[in-house]
Amino acid sequence: MLKGILQGCLLILINQKPYYGYEISQGLSQYGFEDVPKGTIYPLLISMEKKELIFSKMQPSKEGPKRKYYYITDNGMKSLESFINQWNNLSLNVNKLINERGQNDES
């Protein structure tokens, strides 16, 4: 489940602006995903590229060698919309379950 959620989170980030690998890791950390190892992110990016959800382009860097930046594709946008809808539905149902259980515990 986390892999699907992580893929959705990567699509959200990349949809905001092009990111390179390490920058994605930093972006995830800002939202509480600091425990996600870089060894998880890079294979997922490769998989997403194979699925044509994203594409990459090497670009010059001011700090050193060229970096591979990731961009969202039209398929990625569709997948992102689907992820957001699924997440909203899942979140709504889990919150309903938690809230109803909490009410039952108080009785």
PDB file of N, CA and C in Angstrom:
ATOM      1  N   MET A   1       0.822  -1.188   0.000  1.00  0.00           N
ATOM      2  CA  MET A   1       0.000   0.000   0.000  1.00  0.00           C
ATOM      3  C   MET A   1       0.870   1.257   0.000  1.00  0.00           C
ATOM      4  N   LEU A   2       1.956   1.236   0.792  1.00  0.00           N
ATOM      5  CA  LEU A   2       2.835   2.403   0.861  1.00  0.00           C
ATOM      6  C   LEU A   2       3.441   2.728  -0.498  1.00  0.00           C
ATOM      7  N   LYS A   3       3.780   1.691  -1.295  1.00  0.00           N
ATOM      8  CA  LYS A   3       4.381   1.934  -2.605  1.00  0.00           C
ATOM      9  C   LYS A   3       3.431   2.731  -3.489  1.00  0.00           C
ATOM     10  N   GLY A   4       2.140   2.369  -3.488  1.00  0.00           N
ATOM     11  CA  GLY A   4       1.153   3.103  -4.270  1.00  0.00           C
ATOM     12  C   GLY A   4       0.978   4.520  -3.767  1.00  0.00           C
ATOM     13  N   ILE A   5       0.997   4.669  -2.461  1.00  0.00           N
ATOM     14  CA  ILE A   5       0.870   6.003  -1.868  1.00  0.00           C
ATOM     15  C   ILE A   5       2.102   6.832  -2.200  1.00  0.00           C
ATOM     16  N   LEU A   6       3.264   6.215  -2.111  1.00  0.00           N
ATOM     17  CA  LEU A   6       4.506   6.927  -2.418  1.00  0.00           C
ATOM     18  C   LEU A   6       4.529   7.363  -3.880  1.00  0.00           C
ATOM     19  N   GLN A   7       4.077   6.491  -4.782  1.00  0.00           N
ATOM     20  CA  GLN A   7       4.019   6.862  -6.193  1.00  0.00           C
ATOM     21  C   GLN A   7       3.105   8.078  -6.376  1.00  0.00           C
ATOM     22  N   GLY A   8       1.951   8.074  -5.726  1.00  0.00           N
ATOM     23  CA  GLY A   8       1.047   9.214  -5.806  1.00  0.00           C
ATOM     24  C   GLY A   8       1.682  10.483  -5.275  1.00  0.00           C
ATOM     25  N   CYS A   9       2.411  10.360  -4.178  1.00  0.00           N
ATOM     26  CA  CYS A   9       3.098  11.525  -3.595  1.00  0.00           C
ATOM     27  C   CYS A   9       4.174  12.064  -4.543  1.00  0.00           C
ATOM     28  N   LEU A  10       4.891  11.162  -5.205  1.00  0.00           N
ATOM     29  CA  LEU A  10       5.903  11.603  -6.171  1.00  0.00           C
ATOM     30  C   LEU A  10       5.244  12.340  -7.332  1.00  0.00           C
ATOM     31  N   LEU A  11       4.114  11.840  -7.793  1.00  0.00           N
ATOM     32  CA  LEU A  11       3.399  12.520  -8.876  1.00  0.00           C
ATOM     33  C   LEU A  11       2.950  13.913  -8.438  1.00  0.00           C
ATOM     34  N   ILE A  12       2.493  14.035  -7.194  1.00  0.00           N
ATOM     35  CA  ILE A  12       2.087  15.348  -6.685  1.00  0.00           C
ATOM     36  C   ILE A  12       3.273  16.306  -6.708  1.00  0.00           C
ATOM     37  N   LEU A  13       4.414  15.853  -6.216  1.00  0.00           N
ATOM     38  CA  LEU A  13       5.605  16.717  -6.202  1.00  0.00           C
ATOM     39  C   LEU A  13       6.024  17.109  -7.613  1.00  0.00           C
ATOM     40  N   ILE A  14       6.151  16.107  -8.482  1.00  0.00           N
ATOM     41  CA  ILE A  14       6.647  16.361  -9.840  1.00  0.00           C
ATOM     42  C   ILE A  14       5.662  17.217 -10.635  1.00  0.00           C
ATOM     43  N   ASN A  15       4.395  17.143 -10.283  1.00  0.00           N
ATOM     44  CA  ASN A  15       3.410  17.986 -10.954  1.00  0.00           C
ATOM     45  C   ASN A  15       3.605  19.458 -10.599  1.00  0.00           C
ATOM     46  N   GLN A  16       4.162  19.742  -9.427  1.00  0.00           N
ATOM     47  CA  GLN A  16       4.384  21.122  -8.995  1.00  0.00           C
ATOM     48  C   GLN A  16       5.481  21.793  -9.820  1.00  0.00           C
ATOM     49  N   LYS A  17       6.549  21.029 -10.084  1.00  0.00           N
ATOM     50  CA  LYS A  17       7.685  21.528 -10.863  1.00  0.00           C
ATOM     51  C   LYS A  17       8.606  20.346 -11.149  1.00  0.00           C
ATOM     52  N   PRO A  18       9.495  20.469 -12.125  1.00  0.00           N
ATOM     53  CA  PRO A  18      10.451  19.375 -12.354  1.00  0.00           C
ATOM     54  C   PRO A  18      11.390  19.224 -11.150  1.00  0.00           C
ATOM     55  N   TYR A  19      11.631  17.999 -10.764  1.00  0.00           N
ATOM     56  CA  TYR A  19      12.512  17.680  -9.643  1.00  0.00           C
ATOM     57  C   TYR A  19      13.608  16.735 -10.106  1.00  0.00           C
ATOM     58  N   TYR A  20      14.771  16.793  -9.462  1.00  0.00           N
ATOM     59  CA  TYR A  20      15.783  15.745  -9.645  1.00  0.00           C
ATOM     60  C   TYR A  20      15.730  14.849  -8.413  1.00  0.00           C
ATOM     61  N   GLY A  21      16.349  13.682  -8.499  1.00  0.00           N
ATOM     62  CA  GLY A  21      16.209  12.641  -7.496  1.00  0.00           C
ATOM     63  C   GLY A  21      16.396  13.076  -6.060  1.00  0.00           C
ATOM     64  N   TYR A  22      17.531  13.661  -5.737  1.00  0.00           N
ATOM     65  CA  TYR A  22      17.794  14.049  -4.354  1.00  0.00           C
ATOM     66  C   TYR A  22      16.802  15.109  -3.888  1.00  0.00           C
ATOM     67  N   GLU A  23      16.420  15.994  -4.782  1.00  0.00           N
ATOM     68  CA  GLU A  23      15.459  17.045  -4.459  1.00  0.00           C
ATOM     69  C   GLU A  23      14.086  16.435  -4.127  1.00  0.00           C
ATOM     70  N   ILE A  24      13.749  15.331  -4.786  1.00  0.00           N
ATOM     71  CA  ILE A  24      12.504  14.628  -4.476  1.00  0.00           C
ATOM     72  C   ILE A  24      12.555  14.121  -3.040  1.00  0.00           C
ATOM     73  N   SER A  25      13.680  13.537  -2.662  1.00  0.00           N
ATOM     74  CA  SER A  25      13.863  13.045  -1.300  1.00  0.00           C
ATOM     75  C   SER A  25      13.693  14.179  -0.297  1.00  0.00           C
ATOM     76  N   GLN A  26      14.265  15.324  -0.580  1.00  0.00           N
ATOM     77  CA  GLN A  26      14.131  16.486   0.300  1.00  0.00           C
ATOM     78  C   GLN A  26      12.682  16.958   0.365  1.00  0.00           C
ATOM     79  N   GLY A  27      12.018  16.963  -0.789  1.00  0.00           N
ATOM     80  CA  GLY A  27      10.614  17.375  -0.841  1.00  0.00           C
ATOM     81  C   GLY A  27       9.731  16.461  -0.007  1.00  0.00           C
ATOM     82  N   LEU A  28       9.976  15.150  -0.104  1.00  0.00           N
ATOM     83  CA  LEU A  28       9.214  14.201   0.698  1.00  0.00           C
ATOM     84  C   LEU A  28       9.453  14.433   2.189  1.00  0.00           C
ATOM     85  N   SER A  29      10.689  14.723   2.547  1.00  0.00           N
ATOM     86  CA  SER A  29      11.032  14.963   3.958  1.00  0.00           C
ATOM     87  C   SER A  29      10.253  16.141   4.531  1.00  0.00           C
ATOM     88  N   GLN A  30      10.021  17.150   3.717  1.00  0.00           N
ATOM     89  CA  GLN A  30       9.270  18.327   4.178  1.00  0.00           C
ATOM     90  C   GLN A  30       7.845  17.970   4.589  1.00  0.00           C
ATOM     91  N   TYR A  31       7.342  16.853   4.048  1.00  0.00           N
ATOM     92  CA  TYR A  31       5.971  16.440   4.345  1.00  0.00           C
ATOM     93  C   TYR A  31       5.918  15.222   5.263  1.00  0.00           C
ATOM     94  N   GLY A  32       7.006  14.958   5.976  1.00  0.00           N
ATOM     95  CA  GLY A  32       7.005  13.899   6.978  1.00  0.00           C
ATOM     96  C   GLY A  32       7.438  12.533   6.482  1.00  0.00           C
ATOM     97  N   PHE A  33       7.947  12.450   5.258  1.00  0.00           N
ATOM     98  CA  PHE A  33       8.405  11.179   4.704  1.00  0.00           C
ATOM     99  C   PHE A  33       9.927  11.054   4.792  1.00  0.00           C
ATOM    100  N   GLU A  34      10.513  11.544   5.879  1.00  0.00           N
ATOM    101  CA  GLU A  34      11.974  11.533   5.983  1.00  0.00           C
ATOM    102  C   GLU A  34      12.554  10.136   6.121  1.00  0.00           C
ATOM    103  N   ASP A  35      11.735   9.159   6.493  1.00  0.00           N
ATOM    104  CA  ASP A  35      12.233   7.792   6.669  1.00  0.00           C
ATOM    105  C   ASP A  35      12.240   6.978   5.379  1.00  0.00           C
ATOM    106  N   VAL A  36      11.766   7.552   4.269  1.00  0.00           N
ATOM    107  CA  VAL A  36      11.758   6.820   3.005  1.00  0.00           C
ATOM    108  C   VAL A  36      13.181   6.801   2.455  1.00  0.00           C
ATOM    109  N   PRO A  37      13.773   5.609   2.326  1.00  0.00           N
ATOM    110  CA  PRO A  37      15.156   5.538   1.840  1.00  0.00           C
ATOM    111  C   PRO A  37      15.270   5.904   0.360  1.00  0.00           C
ATOM    112  N   LYS A  38      16.386   6.526   0.022  1.00  0.00           N
ATOM    113  CA  LYS A  38      16.638   6.882  -1.378  1.00  0.00           C
ATOM    114  C   LYS A  38      16.636   5.633  -2.255  1.00  0.00           C
ATOM    115  N   GLY A  39      17.002   4.502  -1.669  1.00  0.00           N
ATOM    116  CA  GLY A  39      16.991   3.238  -2.396  1.00  0.00           C
ATOM    117  C   GLY A  39      15.591   2.782  -2.768  1.00  0.00           C
ATOM    118  N   THR A  40      14.583   3.409  -2.203  1.00  0.00           N
ATOM    119  CA  THR A  40      13.191   3.134  -2.569  1.00  0.00           C
ATOM    120  C   THR A  40      12.736   4.099  -3.659  1.00  0.00           C
ATOM    121  N   ILE A  41      13.186   5.326  -3.568  1.00  0.00           N
ATOM    122  CA  ILE A  41      12.732   6.373  -4.484  1.00  0.00           C
ATOM    123  C   ILE A  41      13.224   6.130  -5.911  1.00  0.00           C
ATOM    124  N   TYR A  42      14.508   5.853  -6.080  1.00  0.00           N
ATOM    125  CA  TYR A  42      15.052   5.727  -7.435  1.00  0.00           C
ATOM    126  C   TYR A  42      14.449   4.565  -8.227  1.00  0.00           C
ATOM    127  N   PRO A  43      14.307   3.373  -7.654  1.00  0.00           N
ATOM    128  CA  PRO A  43      13.645   2.301  -8.412  1.00  0.00           C
ATOM    129  C   PRO A  43      12.191   2.650  -8.764  1.00  0.00           C
ATOM    130  N   LEU A  44      11.519   3.367  -7.869  1.00  0.00           N
ATOM    131  CA  LEU A  44      10.145   3.775  -8.140  1.00  0.00           C
ATOM    132  C   LEU A  44      10.099   4.773  -9.298  1.00  0.00           C
ATOM    133  N   LEU A  45      11.040   5.698  -9.343  1.00  0.00           N
ATOM    134  CA  LEU A  45      11.118   6.649 -10.459  1.00  0.00           C
ATOM    135  C   LEU A  45      11.342   5.908 -11.781  1.00  0.00           C
ATOM    136  N   ILE A  46      12.218   4.910 -11.768  1.00  0.00           N
ATOM    137  CA  ILE A  46      12.471   4.116 -12.978  1.00  0.00           C
ATOM    138  C   ILE A  46      11.197   3.402 -13.409  1.00  0.00           C
ATOM    139  N   SER A  47      10.494   2.806 -12.456  1.00  0.00           N
ATOM    140  CA  SER A  47       9.233   2.113 -12.744  1.00  0.00           C
ATOM    141  C   SER A  47       8.193   3.080 -13.303  1.00  0.00           C
ATOM    142  N   MET A  48       8.098   4.254 -12.716  1.00  0.00           N
ATOM    143  CA  MET A  48       7.136   5.253 -13.178  1.00  0.00           C
ATOM    144  C   MET A  48       7.472   5.729 -14.589  1.00  0.00           C
ATOM    145  N   GLU A  49       8.759   5.795 -14.883  1.00  0.00           N
ATOM    146  CA  GLU A  49       9.186   6.197 -16.221  1.00  0.00           C
ATOM    147  C   GLU A  49       8.818   5.110 -17.239  1.00  0.00           C
ATOM    148  N   LYS A  50       9.005   3.842 -16.871  1.00  0.00           N
ATOM    149  CA  LYS A  50       8.629   2.730 -17.753  1.00  0.00           C
ATOM    150  C   LYS A  50       7.122   2.714 -18.015  1.00  0.00           C
ATOM    151  N   LYS A  51       6.337   3.112 -17.016  1.00  0.00           N
ATOM    152  CA  LYS A  51       4.875   3.161 -17.154  1.00  0.00           C
ATOM    153  C   LYS A  51       4.425   4.432 -17.882  1.00  0.00           C
ATOM    154  N   GLU A  52       5.386   5.278 -18.238  1.00  0.00           N
ATOM    155  CA  GLU A  52       5.140   6.545 -18.933  1.00  0.00           C
ATOM    156  C   GLU A  52       4.286   7.512 -18.107  1.00  0.00           C
ATOM    157  N   LEU A  53       4.483   7.468 -16.785  1.00  0.00           N
ATOM    158  CA  LEU A  53       3.831   8.434 -15.904  1.00  0.00           C
ATOM    159  C   LEU A  53       4.674   9.697 -15.794  1.00  0.00           C
ATOM    160  N   ILE A  54       5.981   9.517 -15.975  1.00  0.00           N
ATOM    161  CA  ILE A  54       6.933  10.626 -15.940  1.00  0.00           C
ATOM    162  C   ILE A  54       7.957  10.409 -17.049  1.00  0.00           C
ATOM    163  N   PHE A  55       8.693  11.453 -17.372  1.00  0.00           N
ATOM    164  CA  PHE A  55       9.859  11.312 -18.252  1.00  0.00           C
ATOM    165  C   PHE A  55      10.981  12.134 -17.651  1.00  0.00           C
ATOM    166  N   SER A  56      12.197  11.827 -18.056  1.00  0.00           N
ATOM    167  CA  SER A  56      13.345  12.530 -17.487  1.00  0.00           C
ATOM    168  C   SER A  56      14.145  13.212 -18.581  1.00  0.00           C
ATOM    169  N   LYS A  57      14.878  14.222 -18.153  1.00  0.00           N
ATOM    170  CA  LYS A  57      15.727  14.986 -19.058  1.00  0.00           C
ATOM    171  C   LYS A  57      16.961  15.427 -18.272  1.00  0.00           C
ATOM    172  N   MET A  58      18.133  15.208 -18.843  1.00  0.00           N
ATOM    173  CA  MET A  58      19.364  15.682 -18.215  1.00  0.00           C
ATOM    174  C   MET A  58      19.480  17.187 -18.451  1.00  0.00           C
ATOM    175  N   GLN A  59      19.784  17.911 -17.371  1.00  0.00           N
ATOM    176  CA  GLN A  59      19.912  19.355 -17.468  1.00  0.00           C
ATOM    177  C   GLN A  59      21.140  19.819 -16.698  1.00  0.00           C
ATOM    178  N   PRO A  60      21.741  20.912 -17.136  1.00  0.00           N
ATOM    179  CA  PRO A  60      22.900  21.447 -16.417  1.00  0.00           C
ATOM    180  C   PRO A  60      22.540  21.862 -15.001  1.00  0.00           C
ATOM    181  N   SER A  61      23.527  21.790 -14.127  1.00  0.00           N
ATOM    182  CA  SER A  61      23.351  22.198 -12.738  1.00  0.00           C
ATOM    183  C   SER A  61      24.373  23.268 -12.397  1.00  0.00           C
ATOM    184  N   LYS A  62      23.968  24.224 -11.597  1.00  0.00           N
ATOM    185  CA  LYS A  62      24.896  25.271 -11.156  1.00  0.00           C
ATOM    186  C   LYS A  62      25.905  24.722 -10.156  1.00  0.00           C
ATOM    187  N   GLU A  63      25.533  23.614  -9.478  1.00  0.00           N
ATOM    188  CA  GLU A  63      26.386  23.061  -8.429  1.00  0.00           C
ATOM    189  C   GLU A  63      27.322  21.947  -8.887  1.00  0.00           C
ATOM    190  N   GLY A  64      27.332  21.604 -10.149  1.00  0.00           N
ATOM    191  CA  GLY A  64      28.206  20.515 -10.586  1.00  0.00           C
ATOM    192  C   GLY A  64      27.725  19.857 -11.857  1.00  0.00           C
ATOM    193  N   PRO A  65      27.787  18.524 -11.896  1.00  0.00           N
ATOM    194  CA  PRO A  65      27.422  17.813 -13.121  1.00  0.00           C
ATOM    195  C   PRO A  65      25.928  17.927 -13.438  1.00  0.00           C
ATOM    196  N   LYS A  66      25.575  17.536 -14.654  1.00  0.00           N
ATOM    197  CA  LYS A  66      24.174  17.552 -15.056  1.00  0.00           C
ATOM    198  C   LYS A  66      23.348  16.677 -14.125  1.00  0.00           C
ATOM    199  N   ARG A  67      22.073  17.029 -14.007  1.00  0.00           N
ATOM    200  CA  ARG A  67      21.147  16.270 -13.175  1.00  0.00           C
ATOM    201  C   ARG A  67      19.984  15.793 -14.030  1.00  0.00           C
ATOM    202  N   LYS A  68      19.435  14.656 -13.619  1.00  0.00           N
ATOM    203  CA  LYS A  68      18.262  14.119 -14.298  1.00  0.00           C
ATOM    204  C   LYS A  68      17.013  14.675 -13.619  1.00  0.00           C
ATOM    205  N   TYR A  69      16.271  15.498 -14.361  1.00  0.00           N
ATOM    206  CA  TYR A  69      15.033  16.078 -13.861  1.00  0.00           C
ATOM    207  C   TYR A  69      13.852  15.275 -14.379  1.00  0.00           C
ATOM    208  N   TYR A  70      12.840  15.145 -13.530  1.00  0.00           N
ATOM    209  CA  TYR A  70      11.652  14.369 -13.860  1.00  0.00           C
ATOM    210  C   TYR A  70      10.462  15.286 -14.096  1.00  0.00           C
ATOM    211  N   TYR A  71       9.696  14.957 -15.132  1.00  0.00           N
ATOM    212  CA  TYR A  71       8.520  15.719 -15.532  1.00  0.00           C
ATOM    213  C   TYR A  71       7.325  14.781 -15.613  1.00  0.00           C
ATOM    214  N   ILE A  72       6.151  15.290 -15.291  1.00  0.00           N
ATOM    215  CA  ILE A  72       4.941  14.470 -15.360  1.00  0.00           C
ATOM    216  C   ILE A  72       4.430  14.443 -16.808  1.00  0.00           C
ATOM    217  N   THR A  73       3.869  13.309 -17.214  1.00  0.00           N
ATOM    218  CA  THR A  73       3.290  13.146 -18.550  1.00  0.00           C
ATOM    219  C   THR A  73       1.765  13.258 -18.458  1.00  0.00           C
ATOM    220  N   ASP A  74       1.098  13.194 -19.599  1.00  0.00           N
ATOM    221  CA  ASP A  74      -0.366  13.174 -19.608  1.00  0.00           C
ATOM    222  C   ASP A  74      -0.881  11.937 -18.872  1.00  0.00           C
ATOM    223  N   ASN A  75      -0.235  10.787 -19.099  1.00  0.00           N
ATOM    224  CA  ASN A  75      -0.619   9.573 -18.362  1.00  0.00           C
ATOM    225  C   ASN A  75      -0.405   9.762 -16.864  1.00  0.00           C
ATOM    226  N   GLY A  76       0.667  10.446 -16.510  1.00  0.00           N
ATOM    227  CA  GLY A  76       0.948  10.736 -15.107  1.00  0.00           C
ATOM    228  C   GLY A  76      -0.120  11.618 -14.494  1.00  0.00           C
ATOM    229  N   MET A  77      -0.607  12.588 -15.257  1.00  0.00           N
ATOM    230  CA  MET A  77      -1.678  13.470 -14.765  1.00  0.00           C
ATOM    231  C   MET A  77      -2.955  12.665 -14.507  1.00  0.00           C
ATOM    232  N   LYS A  78      -3.270  11.739 -15.414  1.00  0.00           N
ATOM    233  CA  LYS A  78      -4.456  10.893 -15.220  1.00  0.00           C
ATOM    234  C   LYS A  78      -4.288  10.012 -13.989  1.00  0.00           C
ATOM    235  N   SER A  79      -3.094   9.464 -13.838  1.00  0.00           N
ATOM    236  CA  SER A  79      -2.807   8.630 -12.677  1.00  0.00           C
ATOM    237  C   SER A  79      -2.873   9.456 -11.391  1.00  0.00           C
ATOM    238  N   LEU A  80      -2.394  10.677 -11.429  1.00  0.00           N
ATOM    239  CA  LEU A  80      -2.446  11.575 -10.277  1.00  0.00           C
ATOM    240  C   LEU A  80      -3.888  11.866  -9.878  1.00  0.00           C
ATOM    241  N   GLU A  81      -4.731  12.181 -10.862  1.00  0.00           N
ATOM    242  CA  GLU A  81      -6.145  12.440 -10.580  1.00  0.00           C
ATOM    243  C   GLU A  81      -6.804  11.215  -9.955  1.00  0.00           C
ATOM    244  N   SER A  82      -6.496  10.044 -10.494  1.00  0.00           N
ATOM    245  CA  SER A  82      -7.041   8.797  -9.965  1.00  0.00           C
ATOM    246  C   SER A  82      -6.566   8.567  -8.526  1.00  0.00           C
ATOM    247  N   PHE A  83      -5.280   8.800  -8.286  1.00  0.00           N
ATOM    248  CA  PHE A  83      -4.722   8.646  -6.936  1.00  0.00           C
ATOM    249  C   PHE A  83      -5.436   9.561  -5.950  1.00  0.00           C
ATOM    250  N   ILE A  84      -5.620  10.811  -6.321  1.00  0.00           N
ATOM    251  CA  ILE A  84      -6.258  11.779  -5.424  1.00  0.00           C
ATOM    252  C   ILE A  84      -7.693  11.341  -5.117  1.00  0.00           C
ATOM    253  N   ASN A  85      -8.426  10.895  -6.125  1.00  0.00           N
ATOM    254  CA  ASN A  85      -9.801  10.419  -5.898  1.00  0.00           C
ATOM    255  C   ASN A  85      -9.815   9.202  -4.985  1.00  0.00           C
ATOM    256  N   GLN A  86      -8.924   8.240  -5.248  1.00  0.00           N
ATOM    257  CA  GLN A  86      -8.857   7.040  -4.415  1.00  0.00           C
ATOM    258  C   GLN A  86      -8.457   7.391  -2.986  1.00  0.00           C
ATOM    259  N   TRP A  87      -7.487   8.295  -2.848  1.00  0.00           N
ATOM    260  CA  TRP A  87      -7.026   8.696  -1.516  1.00  0.00           C
ATOM    261  C   TRP A  87      -8.152   9.378  -0.740  1.00  0.00           C
ATOM    262  N   ASN A  88      -8.869  10.292  -1.403  1.00  0.00           N
ATOM    263  CA  ASN A  88      -9.959  10.991  -0.726  1.00  0.00           C
ATOM    264  C   ASN A  88     -11.016   9.998  -0.254  1.00  0.00           C
ATOM    265  N   ASN A  89     -11.334   9.011  -1.095  1.00  0.00           N
ATOM    266  CA  ASN A  89     -12.321   7.999  -0.732  1.00  0.00           C
ATOM    267  C   ASN A  89     -11.814   7.139   0.429  1.00  0.00           C
ATOM    268  N   LEU A  90     -10.566   6.684   0.330  1.00  0.00           N
ATOM    269  CA  LEU A  90      -9.981   5.866   1.389  1.00  0.00           C
ATOM    270  C   LEU A  90      -9.926   6.640   2.703  1.00  0.00           C
ATOM    271  N   SER A  91      -9.462   7.868   2.644  1.00  0.00           N
ATOM    272  CA  SER A  91      -9.343   8.714   3.824  1.00  0.00           C
ATOM    273  C   SER A  91     -10.709   8.939   4.476  1.00  0.00           C
ATOM    274  N   LEU A  92     -11.713   9.220   3.652  1.00  0.00           N
ATOM    275  CA  LEU A  92     -13.064   9.432   4.157  1.00  0.00           C
ATOM    276  C   LEU A  92     -13.564   8.192   4.886  1.00  0.00           C
ATOM    277  N   ASN A  93     -13.380   7.018   4.265  1.00  0.00           N
ATOM    278  CA  ASN A  93     -13.867   5.775   4.863  1.00  0.00           C
ATOM    279  C   ASN A  93     -13.115   5.406   6.134  1.00  0.00           C
ATOM    280  N   VAL A  94     -11.801   5.577   6.132  1.00  0.00           N
ATOM    281  CA  VAL A  94     -11.017   5.268   7.338  1.00  0.00           C
ATOM    282  C   VAL A  94     -11.385   6.226   8.462  1.00  0.00           C
ATOM    283  N   ASN A  95     -11.516   7.503   8.153  1.00  0.00           N
ATOM    284  CA  ASN A  95     -11.907   8.474   9.187  1.00  0.00           C
ATOM    285  C   ASN A  95     -13.295   8.172   9.735  1.00  0.00           C
ATOM    286  N   LYS A  96     -14.209   7.754   8.857  1.00  0.00           N
ATOM    287  CA  LYS A  96     -15.552   7.384   9.309  1.00  0.00           C
ATOM    288  C   LYS A  96     -15.469   6.200  10.270  1.00  0.00           C
ATOM    289  N   LEU A  97     -14.673   5.203   9.920  1.00  0.00           N
ATOM    290  CA  LEU A  97     -14.500   4.028  10.773  1.00  0.00           C
ATOM    291  C   LEU A  97     -13.900   4.420  12.123  1.00  0.00           C
ATOM    292  N   ILE A  98     -12.875   5.243  12.101  1.00  0.00           N
ATOM    293  CA  ILE A  98     -12.229   5.687  13.349  1.00  0.00           C
ATOM    294  C   ILE A  98     -13.210   6.469  14.213  1.00  0.00           C
ATOM    295  N   ASN A  99     -13.920   7.402  13.598  1.00  0.00           N
ATOM    296  CA  ASN A  99     -14.853   8.238  14.358  1.00  0.00           C
ATOM    297  C   ASN A  99     -15.997   7.426  14.932  1.00  0.00           C
ATOM    298  N   GLU A 100     -16.543   6.502  14.163  1.00  0.00           N
ATOM    299  CA  GLU A 100     -17.637   5.673  14.655  1.00  0.00           C
ATOM    300  C   GLU A 100     -17.160   4.732  15.760  1.00  0.00           C
ATOM    301  N   ARG A 101     -15.971   4.213  15.611  1.00  0.00           N
ATOM    302  CA  ARG A 101     -15.413   3.337  16.642  1.00  0.00           C
ATOM    303  C   ARG A 101     -15.186   4.135  17.923  1.00  0.00           C
ATOM    304  N   GLY A 102     -14.708   5.356  17.779  1.00  0.00           N
ATOM    305  CA  GLY A 102     -14.478   6.227  18.934  1.00  0.00           C
ATOM    306  C   GLY A 102     -15.770   6.515  19.667  1.00  0.00           C
ATOM    307  N   GLN A 103     -16.857   6.708  18.925  1.00  0.00           N
ATOM    308  CA  GLN A 103     -18.163   6.960  19.540  1.00  0.00           C
ATOM    309  C   GLN A 103     -18.654   5.713  20.273  1.00  0.00           C
ATOM    310  N   ASN A 104     -18.397   4.545  19.688  1.00  0.00           N
ATOM    311  CA  ASN A 104     -18.818   3.293  20.323  1.00  0.00           C
ATOM    312  C   ASN A 104     -18.026   3.027  21.597  1.00  0.00           C
ATOM    313  N   ASP A 105     -16.753   3.411  21.619  1.00  0.00           N
ATOM    314  CA  ASP A 105     -15.917   3.211  22.798  1.00  0.00           C
ATOM    315  C   ASP A 105     -16.366   4.067  23.970  1.00  0.00           C
ATOM    316  N   GLU A 106     -16.955   5.218  23.676  1.00  0.00           N
ATOM    317  CA  GLU A 106     -17.389   6.132  24.723  1.00  0.00           C
ATOM    318  C   GLU A 106     -18.699   5.682  25.377  1.00  0.00           C
ATOM    319  N   SER A 107     -19.451   4.828  24.687  1.00  0.00           N
ATOM    320  CA  SER A 107     -20.776   4.390  25.198  1.00  0.00           C
ATOM    321  C   SER A 107     -20.652   3.462  26.357  1.00  0.00           C
TER     322      SER A 107
END
